[in-house]
Amino acid sequence: MVTLITGGNDNGKSEYAEDLVLKLSPGGTSAGYTRLYLATMSARDDESLKRIEKHILRRNDMEYITIEKSCDIGSIDLEKYGTDGHNTDSSHRILLIEDIPNLLAGEMFQGKDFYPNVSDKIINDIKKLVSVCEHTVLVTNEVFSDGITYDEYTTTYLREFGLINQAVAGIADKVVELVCGIPLIVKESANS
């Protein structure tokens, strides 16, 4: 099952996603589940360092294996992560990807280089990871409603971001939007 969680900044998306992973993997490691947390934010300033620390502290007792990667997530071999340290099937592997906006920034802005057309790569990378997990929870953001005209880089970023969100929502079994911390079901298939 794939769940996409969206909403505005600081609206409880991360907490909701982490709680959902716990519900999807009752008993954690002792019940045979492997909880993977794919952290995509690169620490670039004091604010991002504080956000990362906050997320690490909140996950402290949740039995996550944390993988930090801000680009090229398709190169991650999730099959090597199993409850016994050996390759396992996907039946008890739960993946949380936190989050799509940071992943997109990591792919587009590498060092001093700018890569404007990365949405297809990111979508394919996500599909590859989803294919080896029983459940995948993805966190994204809502940044399209301000009506402001931006520079070329930001406009390109928003275009690619929209393409990724549409594709991931299309493959998701469930899409949840958090509004003022309240989860609203936008899409739900029969098997979710």
Foldseek 3Di string as FASTA:
>chain_A
DEEEEEEAPPQCRLVVLLVVLCVVQPPDLVVWAAEEEEEQADPDDPVSVVVVVVSCVVCVPVRYDYDYHNEDLLVDDCQCDTSVSHGDAQQRYEYEYPADLSSLCCHQCPPPHGDLDCLVVVLVSVVNVCNRHPYYYYYDYDDPPPPDDDDPRVVSSVVSSVSNVVSSVVPGQWYWYRDNNDTDTPHHHPVD
